[in-house]
Amino acid sequence: MKKIEAIIRSSKFDDVKEALGEIGVNFFTFSEVKGYGKQQGKHVVYRGAVYDVGYIARLKLEIAVVEEKAKDVVNAIRTAANTGEVGDGKIFIFPIEKVIRIRTGELNESAV
């Protein structure tokens, strides 16, 4: 099993959600995150003073899938989230040792 974490632009969330749904992935966790990268942050001027906001708001998706489906998930995210501009995001892939469904005690693939 694999855990896929994707940091994407908030504006591309609906496109990514739809692309994942088309390949049968209708379950994932997402959260609002802040980061700092090549795109840099914004400088805000307020009453003559310059403030460095220093972060960029993004969404982080976390998806657990069987290993055979990981490539399809990555391709769907990459295609749907791509704008061709700096700041499109990153995708990270991790191995999952074990998954346990709390309610039933099911393990691994049957727990997802």
C-alpha atoms as a PDB file:
ATOM      1  CA  MET A   1       0.000   0.000   0.000  1.00  0.00           C
ATOM      2  CA  LYS A   2       1.045   3.595  -0.602  1.00  0.00           C
ATOM      3  CA  LYS A   3       0.266   6.947   0.962  1.00  0.00           C
ATOM      4  CA  ILE A   4       0.225   9.810  -1.509  1.00  0.00           C
ATOM      5  CA  GLU A   5       0.519  13.359  -0.224  1.00  0.00           C
ATOM      6  CA  ALA A   6      -0.016  16.163  -2.701  1.00  0.00           C
ATOM      7  CA  ILE A   7       0.430  19.875  -2.081  1.00  0.00           C
ATOM      8  CA  ILE A   8      -1.688  21.729  -4.642  1.00  0.00           C
ATOM      9  CA  ARG A   9      -3.095  25.167  -5.403  1.00  0.00           C
ATOM     10  CA  SER A  10      -6.466  25.749  -3.734  1.00  0.00           C
ATOM     11  CA  SER A  11      -7.860  26.836  -7.094  1.00  0.00           C
ATOM     12  CA  LYS A  12      -7.163  23.375  -8.567  1.00  0.00           C
ATOM     13  CA  PHE A  13      -8.909  21.404  -5.810  1.00  0.00           C
ATOM     14  CA  ASP A  14     -12.163  20.813  -7.706  1.00  0.00           C
ATOM     15  CA  ASP A  15     -10.260  19.682 -10.817  1.00  0.00           C
ATOM     16  CA  VAL A  16      -8.162  17.240  -8.778  1.00  0.00           C
ATOM     17  CA  LYS A  17     -11.201  15.930  -6.882  1.00  0.00           C
ATOM     18  CA  GLU A  18     -13.011  15.303 -10.174  1.00  0.00           C
ATOM     19  CA  ALA A  19      -9.966  13.582 -11.728  1.00  0.00           C
ATOM     20  CA  LEU A  20      -9.622  11.305  -8.703  1.00  0.00           C
ATOM     21  CA  GLY A  21     -13.336  10.470  -8.839  1.00  0.00           C
ATOM     22  CA  GLU A  22     -12.990   9.459 -12.483  1.00  0.00           C
ATOM     23  CA  ILE A  23     -10.442   6.777 -11.526  1.00  0.00           C
ATOM     24  CA  GLY A  24     -12.529   5.553  -8.583  1.00  0.00           C
ATOM     25  CA  VAL A  25     -10.828   7.381  -5.720  1.00  0.00           C
ATOM     26  CA  ASN A  26     -13.654   8.986  -3.766  1.00  0.00           C
ATOM     27  CA  PHE A  27     -11.961   9.120  -0.384  1.00  0.00           C
ATOM     28  CA  PHE A  28      -9.131  11.263   0.877  1.00  0.00           C
ATOM     29  CA  THR A  29      -8.224  13.722   3.579  1.00  0.00           C
ATOM     30  CA  PHE A  30      -7.340  17.318   2.827  1.00  0.00           C
ATOM     31  CA  SER A  31      -6.231  20.250   4.912  1.00  0.00           C
ATOM     32  CA  GLU A  32      -5.227  23.853   4.413  1.00  0.00           C
ATOM     33  CA  VAL A  33      -1.466  24.293   4.718  1.00  0.00           C
ATOM     34  CA  LYS A  34       1.050  27.091   4.334  1.00  0.00           C
ATOM     35  CA  GLY A  35       4.467  26.794   2.771  1.00  0.00           C
ATOM     36  CA  TYR A  36       7.388  28.602   1.317  1.00  0.00           C
ATOM     37  CA  GLY A  37       9.149  27.759  -1.939  1.00  0.00           C
ATOM     38  CA  LYS A  38      10.487  29.107  -5.221  1.00  0.00           C
ATOM     39  CA  GLN A  39       7.309  31.107  -5.756  1.00  0.00           C
ATOM     40  CA  GLN A  40       8.231  33.131  -2.651  1.00  0.00           C
ATOM     41  CA  GLY A  41       5.691  34.874  -0.492  1.00  0.00           C
ATOM     42  CA  LYS A  42       3.897  38.150  -0.876  1.00  0.00           C
ATOM     43  CA  HIS A  43       4.915  41.536   0.425  1.00  0.00           C
ATOM     44  CA  VAL A  44       2.028  43.537   1.815  1.00  0.00           C
ATOM     45  CA  VAL A  45       2.156  47.281   2.328  1.00  0.00           C
ATOM     46  CA  TYR A  46      -0.024  48.554   5.153  1.00  0.00           C
ATOM     47  CA  ARG A  47       0.073  52.195   6.218  1.00  0.00           C
ATOM     48  CA  GLY A  48       3.449  52.673   4.594  1.00  0.00           C
ATOM     49  CA  ALA A  49       5.083  49.661   6.255  1.00  0.00           C
ATOM     50  CA  VAL A  50       6.110  46.604   4.211  1.00  0.00           C
ATOM     51  CA  TYR A  51       5.195  43.233   5.716  1.00  0.00           C
ATOM     52  CA  ASP A  52       6.553  39.951   4.363  1.00  0.00           C
ATOM     53  CA  VAL A  53       3.703  37.481   4.578  1.00  0.00           C
ATOM     54  CA  GLY A  54       6.325  34.830   3.775  1.00  0.00           C
ATOM     55  CA  TYR A  55       4.048  31.916   3.064  1.00  0.00           C
ATOM     56  CA  ILE A  56       1.780  30.627   0.336  1.00  0.00           C
ATOM     57  CA  ALA A  57      -1.596  29.033   1.116  1.00  0.00           C
ATOM     58  CA  ARG A  58      -2.098  25.581  -0.400  1.00  0.00           C
ATOM     59  CA  LEU A  59      -4.100  22.392   0.157  1.00  0.00           C
ATOM     60  CA  LYS A  60      -2.559  19.093   1.189  1.00  0.00           C
ATOM     61  CA  LEU A  61      -4.295  15.902   0.064  1.00  0.00           C
ATOM     62  CA  GLU A  62      -3.563  12.594   1.780  1.00  0.00           C
ATOM     63  CA  ILE A  63      -4.642   9.426  -0.011  1.00  0.00           C
ATOM     64  CA  ALA A  64      -4.074   5.777   0.907  1.00  0.00           C
ATOM     65  CA  VAL A  65      -4.274   3.343  -2.024  1.00  0.00           C
ATOM     66  CA  VAL A  66      -3.187  -0.124  -3.034  1.00  0.00           C
ATOM     67  CA  GLU A  67       0.193  -0.098  -4.720  1.00  0.00           C
ATOM     68  CA  GLU A  68      -1.233  -0.975  -8.139  1.00  0.00           C
ATOM     69  CA  LYS A  69      -3.412   2.165  -8.125  1.00  0.00           C
ATOM     70  CA  ALA A  70      -0.715   4.612  -6.944  1.00  0.00           C
ATOM     71  CA  LYS A  71       0.558   5.426 -10.439  1.00  0.00           C
ATOM     72  CA  ASP A  72      -2.966   6.244 -11.663  1.00  0.00           C
ATOM     73  CA  VAL A  73      -3.569   8.502  -8.648  1.00  0.00           C
ATOM     74  CA  VAL A  74      -0.297  10.363  -9.184  1.00  0.00           C
ATOM     75  CA  ASN A  75      -1.042  10.851 -12.890  1.00  0.00           C
ATOM     76  CA  ALA A  76      -4.559  12.119 -12.149  1.00  0.00           C
ATOM     77  CA  ILE A  77      -3.294  14.640  -9.595  1.00  0.00           C
ATOM     78  CA  ARG A  78      -0.394  15.765 -11.756  1.00  0.00           C
ATOM     79  CA  THR A  79      -2.586  16.299 -14.816  1.00  0.00           C
ATOM     80  CA  ALA A  80      -5.432  18.047 -12.981  1.00  0.00           C
ATOM     81  CA  ALA A  81      -3.248  20.294 -10.792  1.00  0.00           C
ATOM     82  CA  ASN A  82      -0.854  21.402 -13.534  1.00  0.00           C
ATOM     83  CA  THR A  83      -0.965  25.044 -14.635  1.00  0.00           C
ATOM     84  CA  GLY A  84       2.588  25.172 -15.963  1.00  0.00           C
ATOM     85  CA  GLU A  85       3.453  27.963 -13.518  1.00  0.00           C
ATOM     86  CA  VAL A  86       5.877  28.002 -10.613  1.00  0.00           C
ATOM     87  CA  GLY A  87       4.016  26.941  -7.476  1.00  0.00           C
ATOM     88  CA  ASP A  88       1.906  24.104  -8.901  1.00  0.00           C
ATOM     89  CA  GLY A  89       2.922  21.923  -5.948  1.00  0.00           C
ATOM     90  CA  LYS A  90       4.533  18.614  -5.112  1.00  0.00           C
ATOM     91  CA  ILE A  91       3.524  14.961  -4.801  1.00  0.00           C
ATOM     92  CA  PHE A  92       5.124  12.675  -2.217  1.00  0.00           C
ATOM     93  CA  ILE A  93       4.736   8.877  -2.146  1.00  0.00           C
ATOM     94  CA  PHE A  94       5.318   6.829   1.016  1.00  0.00           C
ATOM     95  CA  PRO A  95       5.057   3.119   1.777  1.00  0.00           C
ATOM     96  CA  ILE A  96       2.363   2.143   4.288  1.00  0.00           C
ATOM     97  CA  GLU A  97       3.256  -0.594   6.713  1.00  0.00           C
ATOM     98  CA  LYS A  98      -0.246  -1.318   7.981  1.00  0.00           C
ATOM     99  CA  VAL A  99      -3.770   0.143   7.942  1.00  0.00           C
ATOM    100  CA  ILE A 100      -6.381  -0.714  10.568  1.00  0.00           C
ATOM    101  CA  ARG A 101     -10.047   0.260  10.392  1.00  0.00           C
ATOM    102  CA  ILE A 102     -10.933   1.320  13.918  1.00  0.00           C
ATOM    103  CA  ARG A 103     -14.608   0.262  13.797  1.00  0.00           C
ATOM    104  CA  THR A 104     -14.119  -3.324  12.541  1.00  0.00           C
ATOM    105  CA  GLY A 105     -10.453  -4.113  13.006  1.00  0.00           C
ATOM    106  CA  GLU A 106     -10.060  -4.862   9.292  1.00  0.00           C
ATOM    107  CA  LEU A 107      -6.485  -4.689   8.022  1.00  0.00           C
ATOM    108  CA  ASN A 108      -4.717  -3.165   5.023  1.00  0.00           C
ATOM    109  CA  GLU A 109      -6.587  -3.215   1.687  1.00  0.00           C
ATOM    110  CA  SER A 110      -9.918  -4.162   3.253  1.00  0.00           C
ATOM    111  CA  ALA A 111      -9.515  -1.280   5.735  1.00  0.00           C
ATOM    112  CA  VAL A 112      -9.265   1.254   2.928  1.00  0.00           C
END
